[in-house]
Amino acid sequence: WAQAKGDVKTKWGQLTDDDLTEIDGQREKLAGKIQERYGIVKEEA
């Protein structure tokens, strides 16, 4: 996850560093934050 955070931040730039720390490699949390930041449904995230 430490290495993946940079890649995730590049792809989903609206995620904050605090979001990435909170997600901590958990797929469900990543999907939830993408939904929240981008206003998309869970399935799309």
All heavy atoms as atom14 arrays in JSON, in Angstrom:
{
  "sequence": "WAQAKGDVKTKWGQLTDDDLTEIDGQREKLAGKIQERYGIVKEEA",
  "atom14_mask": [
    [1, 1, 1, 1, 1, 1, 1, 1, 1, 1, 1, 1, 1, 1],
    [1, 1, 1, 1, 1, 0, 0, 0, 0, 0, 0, 0, 0, 0],
    [1, 1, 1, 1, 1, 1, 1, 1, 1, 0, 0, 0, 0, 0],
    [1, 1, 1, 1, 1, 0, 0, 0, 0, 0, 0, 0, 0, 0],
    [1, 1, 1, 1, 1, 1, 1, 1, 1, 0, 0, 0, 0, 0],
    [1, 1, 1, 1, 0, 0, 0, 0, 0, 0, 0, 0, 0, 0],
    [1, 1, 1, 1, 1, 1, 1, 1, 0, 0, 0, 0, 0, 0],
    [1, 1, 1, 1, 1, 1, 1, 0, 0, 0, 0, 0, 0, 0],
    [1, 1, 1, 1, 1, 1, 1, 1, 1, 0, 0, 0, 0, 0],
    [1, 1, 1, 1, 1, 1, 1, 0, 0, 0, 0, 0, 0, 0],
    [1, 1, 1, 1, 1, 1, 1, 1, 1, 0, 0, 0, 0, 0],
    [1, 1, 1, 1, 1, 1, 1, 1, 1, 1, 1, 1, 1, 1],
    [1, 1, 1, 1, 0, 0, 0, 0, 0, 0, 0, 0, 0, 0],
    [1, 1, 1, 1, 1, 1, 1, 1, 1, 0, 0, 0, 0, 0],
    [1, 1, 1, 1, 1, 1, 1, 1, 0, 0, 0, 0, 0, 0],
    [1, 1, 1, 1, 1, 1, 1, 0, 0, 0, 0, 0, 0, 0],
    [1, 1, 1, 1, 1, 1, 1, 1, 0, 0, 0, 0, 0, 0],
    [1, 1, 1, 1, 1, 1, 1, 1, 0, 0, 0, 0, 0, 0],
    [1, 1, 1, 1, 1, 1, 1, 1, 0, 0, 0, 0, 0, 0],
    [1, 1, 1, 1, 1, 1, 1, 1, 0, 0, 0, 0, 0, 0],
    [1, 1, 1, 1, 1, 1, 1, 0, 0, 0, 0, 0, 0, 0],
    [1, 1, 1, 1, 1, 1, 1, 1, 1, 0, 0, 0, 0, 0],
    [1, 1, 1, 1, 1, 1, 1, 1, 0, 0, 0, 0, 0, 0],
    [1, 1, 1, 1, 1, 1, 1, 1, 0, 0, 0, 0, 0, 0],
    [1, 1, 1, 1, 0, 0, 0, 0, 0, 0, 0, 0, 0, 0],
    [1, 1, 1, 1, 1, 1, 1, 1, 1, 0, 0, 0, 0, 0],
    [1, 1, 1, 1, 1, 1, 1, 1, 1, 1, 1, 0, 0, 0],
    [1, 1, 1, 1, 1, 1, 1, 1, 1, 0, 0, 0, 0, 0],
    [1, 1, 1, 1, 1, 1, 1, 1, 1, 0, 0, 0, 0, 0],
    [1, 1, 1, 1, 1, 1, 1, 1, 0, 0, 0, 0, 0, 0],
    [1, 1, 1, 1, 1, 0, 0, 0, 0, 0, 0, 0, 0, 0],
    [1, 1, 1, 1, 0, 0, 0, 0, 0, 0, 0, 0, 0, 0],
    [1, 1, 1, 1, 1, 1, 1, 1, 1, 0, 0, 0, 0, 0],
    [1, 1, 1, 1, 1, 1, 1, 1, 0, 0, 0, 0, 0, 0],
    [1, 1, 1, 1, 1, 1, 1, 1, 1, 0, 0, 0, 0, 0],
    [1, 1, 1, 1, 1, 1, 1, 1, 1, 0, 0, 0, 0, 0],
    [1, 1, 1, 1, 1, 1, 1, 1, 1, 1, 1, 0, 0, 0],
    [1, 1, 1, 1, 1, 1, 1, 1, 1, 1, 1, 1, 0, 0],
    [1, 1, 1, 1, 0, 0, 0, 0, 0, 0, 0, 0, 0, 0],
    [1, 1, 1, 1, 1, 1, 1, 1, 0, 0, 0, 0, 0, 0],
    [1, 1, 1, 1, 1, 1, 1, 0, 0, 0, 0, 0, 0, 0],
    [1, 1, 1, 1, 1, 1, 1, 1, 1, 0, 0, 0, 0, 0],
    [1, 1, 1, 1, 1, 1, 1, 1, 1, 0, 0, 0, 0, 0],
    [1, 1, 1, 1, 1, 1, 1, 1, 1, 0, 0, 0, 0, 0],
    [1, 1, 1, 1, 1, 0, 0, 0, 0, 0, 0, 0, 0, 0]
  ],
  "atom14_positions": [
    [[0.81, -1.21, 0.0], [0.0, 0.0, 0.0], [0.85, 1.27, 0.0], [0.52, 2.24, -0.67], [-0.98, 0.01, 1.18], [-1.88, 1.2, 1.14], [-1.94, 2.2, 2.04], [-2.85, 1.52, 0.14], [-2.89, 3.12, 1.68], [-3.46, 2.73, 0.51], [-3.26, 0.91, -1.05], [-4.45, 3.33, -0.25], [-4.25, 1.51, -1.81], [-4.84, 2.7, -1.41]],
    [[1.96, 1.27, 0.72], [2.82, 2.45, 0.75], [3.26, 2.84, -0.66], [3.25, 4.03, -1.02], [4.02, 2.22, 1.65], [0.0, 0.0, 0.0], [0.0, 0.0, 0.0], [0.0, 0.0, 0.0], [0.0, 0.0, 0.0], [0.0, 0.0, 0.0], [0.0, 0.0, 0.0], [0.0, 0.0, 0.0], [0.0, 0.0, 0.0], [0.0, 0.0, 0.0]],
    [[3.59, 1.85, -1.48], [3.99, 2.12, -2.85], [2.79, 2.41, -3.73], [2.86, 3.22, -4.65], [4.76, 0.93, -3.45], [6.08, 0.64, -2.77], [5.96, -0.37, -1.64], [4.9, -0.59, -1.07], [7.08, -0.98, -1.29], [0.0, 0.0, 0.0], [0.0, 0.0, 0.0], [0.0, 0.0, 0.0], [0.0, 0.0, 0.0], [0.0, 0.0, 0.0]],
    [[1.67, 1.76, -3.47], [0.47, 1.92, -4.3], [-0.2, 3.27, -4.11], [-0.9, 3.75, -5.0], [-0.52, 0.79, -4.0], [0.0, 0.0, 0.0], [0.0, 0.0, 0.0], [0.0, 0.0, 0.0], [0.0, 0.0, 0.0], [0.0, 0.0, 0.0], [0.0, 0.0, 0.0], [0.0, 0.0, 0.0], [0.0, 0.0, 0.0], [0.0, 0.0, 0.0]],
    [[0.01, 3.9, -2.95], [-0.66, 5.18, -2.67], [-0.37, 6.23, -3.73], [-1.27, 6.95, -4.14], [-0.26, 5.72, -1.3], [-0.91, 4.98, -0.16], [-0.84, 5.73, 1.16], [0.54, 5.99, 1.66], [0.54, 6.53, 3.04], [0.0, 0.0, 0.0], [0.0, 0.0, 0.0], [0.0, 0.0, 0.0], [0.0, 0.0, 0.0], [0.0, 0.0, 0.0]],
    [[0.86, 6.32, -4.19], [1.22, 7.3, -5.21], [0.48, 7.04, -6.51], [-0.02, 7.97, -7.16], [0.0, 0.0, 0.0], [0.0, 0.0, 0.0], [0.0, 0.0, 0.0], [0.0, 0.0, 0.0], [0.0, 0.0, 0.0], [0.0, 0.0, 0.0], [0.0, 0.0, 0.0], [0.0, 0.0, 0.0], [0.0, 0.0, 0.0], [0.0, 0.0, 0.0]],
    [[0.38, 5.79, -6.87], [-0.33, 5.39, -8.08], [-1.82, 5.7, -7.96], [-2.45, 6.21, -8.89], [-0.1, 3.9, -8.33], [-0.63, 3.44, -9.66], [-0.4, 4.14, -10.67], [-1.28, 2.38, -9.68], [0.0, 0.0, 0.0], [0.0, 0.0, 0.0], [0.0, 0.0, 0.0], [0.0, 0.0, 0.0], [0.0, 0.0, 0.0], [0.0, 0.0, 0.0]],
    [[-2.39, 5.42, -6.79], [-3.8, 5.69, -6.54], [-4.06, 7.2, -6.59], [-5.03, 7.67, -7.18], [-4.24, 5.09, -5.18], [-5.6, 5.59, -4.76], [-4.22, 3.57, -5.25], [0.0, 0.0, 0.0], [0.0, 0.0, 0.0], [0.0, 0.0, 0.0], [0.0, 0.0, 0.0], [0.0, 0.0, 0.0], [0.0, 0.0, 0.0], [0.0, 0.0, 0.0]],
    [[-3.17, 7.97, -6.0], [-3.31, 9.44, -5.98], [-3.24, 9.99, -7.4], [-3.96, 10.93, -7.74], [-2.2, 10.03, -5.11], [-2.22, 11.51, -5.0], [-3.12, 11.98, -3.9], [-2.95, 13.48, -3.74], [-3.64, 14.03, -2.65], [0.0, 0.0, 0.0], [0.0, 0.0, 0.0], [0.0, 0.0, 0.0], [0.0, 0.0, 0.0], [0.0, 0.0, 0.0]],
    [[-2.41, 9.41, -8.25], [-2.32, 9.85, -9.65], [-3.62, 9.55, -10.39], [-4.13, 10.4, -11.12], [-1.14, 9.16, -10.35], [0.06, 9.5, -9.67], [-1.04, 9.58, -11.8], [0.0, 0.0, 0.0], [0.0, 0.0, 0.0], [0.0, 0.0, 0.0], [0.0, 0.0, 0.0], [0.0, 0.0, 0.0], [0.0, 0.0, 0.0], [0.0, 0.0, 0.0]],
    [[-4.18, 8.38, -10.18], [-5.42, 7.97, -10.87], [-6.62, 8.74, -10.34], [-7.45, 9.2, -11.12], [-5.61, 6.46, -10.69], [-6.94, 5.92, -11.15], [-7.07, 5.9, -12.64], [-8.39, 5.23, -13.03], [-8.72, 5.46, -14.41], [0.0, 0.0, 0.0], [0.0, 0.0, 0.0], [0.0, 0.0, 0.0], [0.0, 0.0, 0.0], [0.0, 0.0, 0.0]],
    [[-6.75, 8.83, -9.04], [-7.9, 9.49, -8.4], [-7.38, 10.68, -7.61], [-7.26, 10.64, -6.38], [-8.65, 8.5, -7.51], [-9.28, 7.4, -8.28], [-10.4, 7.47, -9.05], [-8.83, 6.04, -8.39], [-10.67, 6.26, -9.62], [-9.72, 5.35, -9.23], [-7.75, 5.35, -7.84], [-9.58, 4.01, -9.54], [-7.6, 4.01, -8.16], [-8.5, 3.35, -9.0]],
    [[-7.07, 11.76, -8.3], [-6.43, 12.94, -7.72], [-7.25, 13.66, -6.67], [-6.71, 14.45, -5.9], [0.0, 0.0, 0.0], [0.0, 0.0, 0.0], [0.0, 0.0, 0.0], [0.0, 0.0, 0.0], [0.0, 0.0, 0.0], [0.0, 0.0, 0.0], [0.0, 0.0, 0.0], [0.0, 0.0, 0.0], [0.0, 0.0, 0.0], [0.0, 0.0, 0.0]],
    [[-8.55, 13.41, -6.62], [-9.37, 14.08, -5.62], [-9.26, 13.43, -4.24], [-9.78, 13.96, -3.26], [-10.84, 14.11, -6.07], [-11.07, 15.01, -7.26], [-12.54, 15.08, -7.66], [-13.42, 14.86, -6.85], [-12.77, 15.39, -8.93], [0.0, 0.0, 0.0], [0.0, 0.0, 0.0], [0.0, 0.0, 0.0], [0.0, 0.0, 0.0], [0.0, 0.0, 0.0]],
    [[-8.6, 12.29, -4.16], [-8.37, 11.65, -2.87], [-7.24, 12.38, -2.16], [-6.21, 12.67, -2.76], [-8.02, 10.17, -3.04], [-9.1, 9.28, -3.64], [-8.56, 7.86, -3.81], [-10.36, 9.29, -2.82], [0.0, 0.0, 0.0], [0.0, 0.0, 0.0], [0.0, 0.0, 0.0], [0.0, 0.0, 0.0], [0.0, 0.0, 0.0], [0.0, 0.0, 0.0]],
    [[-7.44, 12.67, -0.91], [-6.42, 13.39, -0.13], [-5.44, 12.4, 0.5], [-5.7, 11.2, 0.56], [-7.08, 14.21, 0.99], [-7.67, 13.31, 1.92], [-8.14, 15.17, 0.44], [0.0, 0.0, 0.0], [0.0, 0.0, 0.0], [0.0, 0.0, 0.0], [0.0, 0.0, 0.0], [0.0, 0.0, 0.0], [0.0, 0.0, 0.0], [0.0, 0.0, 0.0]],
    [[-4.34, 12.94, 0.99], [-3.38, 12.1, 1.7], [-4.03, 11.48, 2.94], [-3.75, 10.33, 3.28], [-2.15, 12.91, 2.1], [-1.3, 13.3, 0.89], [-1.34, 12.59, -0.13], [-0.57, 14.3, 0.99], [0.0, 0.0, 0.0], [0.0, 0.0, 0.0], [0.0, 0.0, 0.0], [0.0, 0.0, 0.0], [0.0, 0.0, 0.0], [0.0, 0.0, 0.0]],
    [[-4.9, 12.25, 3.6], [-5.62, 11.7, 4.76], [-6.53, 10.55, 4.34], [-6.65, 9.55, 5.06], [-6.45, 12.78, 5.44], [-5.59, 13.77, 6.22], [-4.43, 13.45, 6.53], [-6.1, 14.87, 6.53], [0.0, 0.0, 0.0], [0.0, 0.0, 0.0], [0.0, 0.0, 0.0], [0.0, 0.0, 0.0], [0.0, 0.0, 0.0], [0.0, 0.0, 0.0]],
    [[-7.19, 10.69, 3.17], [-8.02, 9.59, 2.65], [-7.18, 8.34, 2.46], [-7.57, 7.24, 2.86], [-8.65, 9.96, 1.3], [-9.72, 11.03, 1.38], [-10.32, 11.22, 2.47], [-9.97, 11.68, 0.34], [0.0, 0.0, 0.0], [0.0, 0.0, 0.0], [0.0, 0.0, 0.0], [0.0, 0.0, 0.0], [0.0, 0.0, 0.0], [0.0, 0.0, 0.0]],
    [[-6.02, 8.5, 1.84], [-5.16, 7.35, 1.55], [-4.66, 6.69, 2.83], [-4.56, 5.47, 2.9], [-3.99, 7.79, 0.67], [-4.39, 8.31, -0.71], [-3.17, 8.83, -1.46], [-5.11, 7.25, -1.52], [0.0, 0.0, 0.0], [0.0, 0.0, 0.0], [0.0, 0.0, 0.0], [0.0, 0.0, 0.0], [0.0, 0.0, 0.0], [0.0, 0.0, 0.0]],
    [[-4.38, 7.5, 3.84], [-3.96, 6.95, 5.13], [-5.11, 6.17, 5.76], [-4.91, 5.07, 6.28], [-3.49, 8.08, 6.06], [-2.37, 8.74, 5.45], [-3.09, 7.55, 7.43], [0.0, 0.0, 0.0], [0.0, 0.0, 0.0], [0.0, 0.0, 0.0], [0.0, 0.0, 0.0], [0.0, 0.0, 0.0], [0.0, 0.0, 0.0], [0.0, 0.0, 0.0]],
    [[-6.31, 6.74, 5.69], [-7.49, 6.07, 6.25], [-7.81, 4.77, 5.51], [-8.16, 3.77, 6.13], [-8.69, 7.01, 6.18], [-9.96, 6.43, 6.76], [-11.15, 7.37, 6.62], [-10.96, 8.59, 6.56], [-12.28, 6.84, 6.55], [0.0, 0.0, 0.0], [0.0, 0.0, 0.0], [0.0, 0.0, 0.0], [0.0, 0.0, 0.0], [0.0, 0.0, 0.0]],
    [[-7.67, 4.77, 4.2], [-7.96, 3.59, 3.39], [-7.05, 2.44, 3.77], [-7.49, 1.29, 3.88], [-7.85, 3.93, 1.89], [-8.97, 4.89, 1.48], [-7.86, 2.66, 1.03], [-8.74, 5.57, 0.14], [0.0, 0.0, 0.0], [0.0, 0.0, 0.0], [0.0, 0.0, 0.0], [0.0, 0.0, 0.0], [0.0, 0.0, 0.0], [0.0, 0.0, 0.0]],
    [[-5.77, 2.72, 3.94], [-4.78, 1.75, 4.41], [-4.85, 0.41, 3.68], [-4.8, -0.65, 4.29], [-4.93, 1.55, 5.92], [-3.74, 0.82, 6.53], [-2.62, 0.98, 6.0], [-3.94, 0.07, 7.51], [0.0, 0.0, 0.0], [0.0, 0.0, 0.0], [0.0, 0.0, 0.0], [0.0, 0.0, 0.0], [0.0, 0.0, 0.0], [0.0, 0.0, 0.0]],
    [[-5.03, 0.46, 2.37], [-5.01, -0.75, 1.57], [-6.3, -1.54, 1.56], [-6.34, -2.64, 1.0], [0.0, 0.0, 0.0], [0.0, 0.0, 0.0], [0.0, 0.0, 0.0], [0.0, 0.0, 0.0], [0.0, 0.0, 0.0], [0.0, 0.0, 0.0], [0.0, 0.0, 0.0], [0.0, 0.0, 0.0], [0.0, 0.0, 0.0], [0.0, 0.0, 0.0]],
    [[-7.35, -1.02, 2.15], [-8.62, -1.74, 2.21], [-9.46, -1.37, 0.99], [-9.85, -0.22, 0.82], [-9.36, -1.41, 3.5], [-8.59, -1.85, 4.74], [-9.29, -1.45, 6.0], [-10.49, -1.65, 6.13], [-8.55, -0.87, 6.93], [0.0, 0.0, 0.0], [0.0, 0.0, 0.0], [0.0, 0.0, 0.0], [0.0, 0.0, 0.0], [0.0, 0.0, 0.0]],
    [[-9.73, -2.35, 0.17], [-10.44, -2.15, -1.09], [-11.8, -1.49, -0.9], [-12.18, -0.61, -1.65], [-10.6, -3.49, -1.82], [-11.11, -3.36, -3.22], [-11.19, -4.75, -3.88], [-11.45, -4.66, -5.28], [-12.63, -4.37, -5.82], [-13.67, -4.14, -5.05], [-12.77, -4.32, -7.13], [0.0, 0.0, 0.0], [0.0, 0.0, 0.0], [0.0, 0.0, 0.0]],
    [[-12.54, -1.93, 0.1], [-13.88, -1.39, 0.34], [-13.82, 0.09, 0.69], [-14.66, 0.88, 0.25], [-14.59, -2.16, 1.46], [-14.84, -3.63, 1.15], [-13.59, -4.49, 1.36], [-12.66, -4.08, 2.11], [-13.51, -5.57, 0.75], [0.0, 0.0, 0.0], [0.0, 0.0, 0.0], [0.0, 0.0, 0.0], [0.0, 0.0, 0.0], [0.0, 0.0, 0.0]],
    [[-12.84, 0.47, 1.49], [-12.68, 1.87, 1.85], [-12.27, 2.7, 0.64], [-12.71, 3.84, 0.47], [-11.67, 2.05, 2.97], [-12.21, 1.64, 4.32], [-11.23, 2.01, 5.42], [-11.8, 1.67, 6.78], [-10.91, 2.08, 7.87], [0.0, 0.0, 0.0], [0.0, 0.0, 0.0], [0.0, 0.0, 0.0], [0.0, 0.0, 0.0], [0.0, 0.0, 0.0]],
    [[-11.41, 2.14, -0.2], [-11.01, 2.85, -1.42], [-12.23, 3.1, -2.3], [-12.45, 4.22, -2.78], [-9.94, 2.06, -2.19], [-9.52, 2.64, -3.54], [-8.97, 4.06, -3.39], [-8.49, 1.73, -4.21], [0.0, 0.0, 0.0], [0.0, 0.0, 0.0], [0.0, 0.0, 0.0], [0.0, 0.0, 0.0], [0.0, 0.0, 0.0], [0.0, 0.0, 0.0]],
    [[-13.04, 2.08, -2.49], [-14.25, 2.22, -3.31], [-15.17, 3.28, -2.71], [-15.72, 4.12, -3.43], [-14.98, 0.89, -3.44], [0.0, 0.0, 0.0], [0.0, 0.0, 0.0], [0.0, 0.0, 0.0], [0.0, 0.0, 0.0], [0.0, 0.0, 0.0], [0.0, 0.0, 0.0], [0.0, 0.0, 0.0], [0.0, 0.0, 0.0], [0.0, 0.0, 0.0]],
    [[-15.32, 3.27, -1.41], [-16.18, 4.24, -0.74], [-15.69, 5.66, -0.91], [-16.49, 6.58, -1.15], [0.0, 0.0, 0.0], [0.0, 0.0, 0.0], [0.0, 0.0, 0.0], [0.0, 0.0, 0.0], [0.0, 0.0, 0.0], [0.0, 0.0, 0.0], [0.0, 0.0, 0.0], [0.0, 0.0, 0.0], [0.0, 0.0, 0.0], [0.0, 0.0, 0.0]],
    [[-14.4, 5.87, -0.8], [-13.84, 7.22, -0.95], [-13.95, 7.69, -2.4], [-14.21, 8.87, -2.65], [-12.37, 7.26, -0.5], [-12.21, 7.18, 0.99], [-12.79, 8.4, 1.69], [-12.59, 8.33, 3.18], [-13.17, 9.48, 3.87], [0.0, 0.0, 0.0], [0.0, 0.0, 0.0], [0.0, 0.0, 0.0], [0.0, 0.0, 0.0], [0.0, 0.0, 0.0]],
    [[-13.77, 6.78, -3.35], [-13.93, 7.15, -4.77], [-15.38, 7.55, -5.02], [-15.64, 8.56, -5.67], [-13.47, 6.01, -5.69], [-11.96, 5.81, -5.58], [-13.88, 6.29, -7.14], [-11.44, 4.56, -6.25], [0.0, 0.0, 0.0], [0.0, 0.0, 0.0], [0.0, 0.0, 0.0], [0.0, 0.0, 0.0], [0.0, 0.0, 0.0], [0.0, 0.0, 0.0]],
    [[-16.3, 6.79, -4.47], [-17.73, 7.12, -4.6], [-17.99, 8.51, -4.05], [-18.65, 9.34, -4.69], [-18.58, 6.16, -3.77], [-18.86, 4.83, -4.36], [-19.76, 4.05, -3.4], [-19.26, 3.25, -2.62], [-21.04, 4.3, -3.44], [0.0, 0.0, 0.0], [0.0, 0.0, 0.0], [0.0, 0.0, 0.0], [0.0, 0.0, 0.0], [0.0, 0.0, 0.0]],
    [[-17.5, 8.77, -2.87], [-17.74, 10.03, -2.17], [-17.15, 11.21, -2.94], [-17.82, 12.22, -3.15], [-17.1, 9.93, -0.78], [-17.27, 11.13, 0.09], [-16.56, 10.92, 1.43], [-16.66, 9.82, 2.02], [-15.89, 11.87, 1.87], [0.0, 0.0, 0.0], [0.0, 0.0, 0.0], [0.0, 0.0, 0.0], [0.0, 0.0, 0.0], [0.0, 0.0, 0.0]],
    [[-15.91, 11.09, -3.37], [-15.22, 12.21, -4.03], [-15.71, 12.46, -5.45], [-15.72, 13.6, -5.91], [-13.72, 11.97, -4.06], [-13.08, 11.88, -2.69], [-12.97, 13.25, -2.04], [-12.24, 13.11, -0.8], [-12.73, 13.44, 0.38], [-13.94, 13.96, 0.47], [-12.03, 13.28, 1.46], [0.0, 0.0, 0.0], [0.0, 0.0, 0.0], [0.0, 0.0, 0.0]],
    [[-16.09, 11.4, -6.16], [-16.44, 11.54, -7.57], [-17.94, 11.43, -7.84], [-18.37, 11.6, -8.98], [-15.68, 10.51, -8.41], [-14.21, 10.82, -8.49], [-13.32, 10.32, -7.54], [-13.71, 11.66, -9.48], [-11.97, 10.63, -7.59], [-12.35, 11.97, -9.54], [-11.5, 11.46, -8.58], [-10.17, 11.78, -8.63], [0.0, 0.0, 0.0], [0.0, 0.0, 0.0]],
    [[-18.72, 11.14, -6.81], [-20.18, 11.09, -6.97], [-20.65, 9.99, -7.91], [-21.55, 10.2, -8.72], [0.0, 0.0, 0.0], [0.0, 0.0, 0.0], [0.0, 0.0, 0.0], [0.0, 0.0, 0.0], [0.0, 0.0, 0.0], [0.0, 0.0, 0.0], [0.0, 0.0, 0.0], [0.0, 0.0, 0.0], [0.0, 0.0, 0.0], [0.0, 0.0, 0.0]],
    [[-20.02, 8.84, -7.79], [-20.41, 7.7, -8.63], [-20.95, 6.58, -7.75], [-20.77, 6.59, -6.54], [-19.22, 7.19, -9.49], [-18.05, 6.74, -8.61], [-18.78, 8.26, -10.48], [-16.89, 6.13, -9.37], [0.0, 0.0, 0.0], [0.0, 0.0, 0.0], [0.0, 0.0, 0.0], [0.0, 0.0, 0.0], [0.0, 0.0, 0.0], [0.0, 0.0, 0.0]],
    [[-21.6, 5.62, -8.39], [-22.16, 4.49, -7.65], [-21.07, 3.49, -7.3], [-20.0, 3.46, -7.93], [-23.31, 3.8, -8.43], [-24.47, 4.76, -8.64], [-22.82, 3.24, -9.74], [0.0, 0.0, 0.0], [0.0, 0.0, 0.0], [0.0, 0.0, 0.0], [0.0, 0.0, 0.0], [0.0, 0.0, 0.0], [0.0, 0.0, 0.0], [0.0, 0.0, 0.0]],
    [[-21.35, 2.66, -6.31], [-20.38, 1.68, -5.82], [-19.87, 0.77, -6.93], [-18.68, 0.51, -7.02], [-21.03, 0.85, -4.72], [-20.12, -0.19, -4.11], [-20.82, -0.97, -3.02], [-19.89, -1.99, -2.4], [-20.54, -2.75, -1.34], [0.0, 0.0, 0.0], [0.0, 0.0, 0.0], [0.0, 0.0, 0.0], [0.0, 0.0, 0.0], [0.0, 0.0, 0.0]],
    [[-20.77, 0.31, -7.78], [-20.38, -0.61, -8.84], [-19.38, 0.05, -9.8], [-18.44, -0.6, -10.26], [-21.6, -1.1, -9.63], [-22.51, -2.01, -8.83], [-23.4, -1.28, -7.81], [-23.57, -0.05, -7.92], [-23.92, -1.96, -6.91], [0.0, 0.0, 0.0], [0.0, 0.0, 0.0], [0.0, 0.0, 0.0], [0.0, 0.0, 0.0], [0.0, 0.0, 0.0]],
    [[-19.57, 1.32, -10.1], [-18.64, 2.04, -10.99], [-17.28, 2.21, -10.32], [-16.24, 2.04, -10.96], [-19.21, 3.4, -11.4], [-18.29, 4.22, -12.27], [-17.9, 3.58, -13.59], [-18.68, 2.75, -14.14], [-16.81, 3.9, -14.11], [0.0, 0.0, 0.0], [0.0, 0.0, 0.0], [0.0, 0.0, 0.0], [0.0, 0.0, 0.0], [0.0, 0.0, 0.0]],
    [[-17.28, 2.54, -9.04], [-16.02, 2.68, -8.31], [-15.26, 1.36, -8.31], [-14.05, 1.33, -8.56], [-16.29, 3.15, -6.88], [0.0, 0.0, 0.0], [0.0, 0.0, 0.0], [0.0, 0.0, 0.0], [0.0, 0.0, 0.0], [0.0, 0.0, 0.0], [0.0, 0.0, 0.0], [0.0, 0.0, 0.0], [0.0, 0.0, 0.0], [0.0, 0.0, 0.0]]
  ]
}
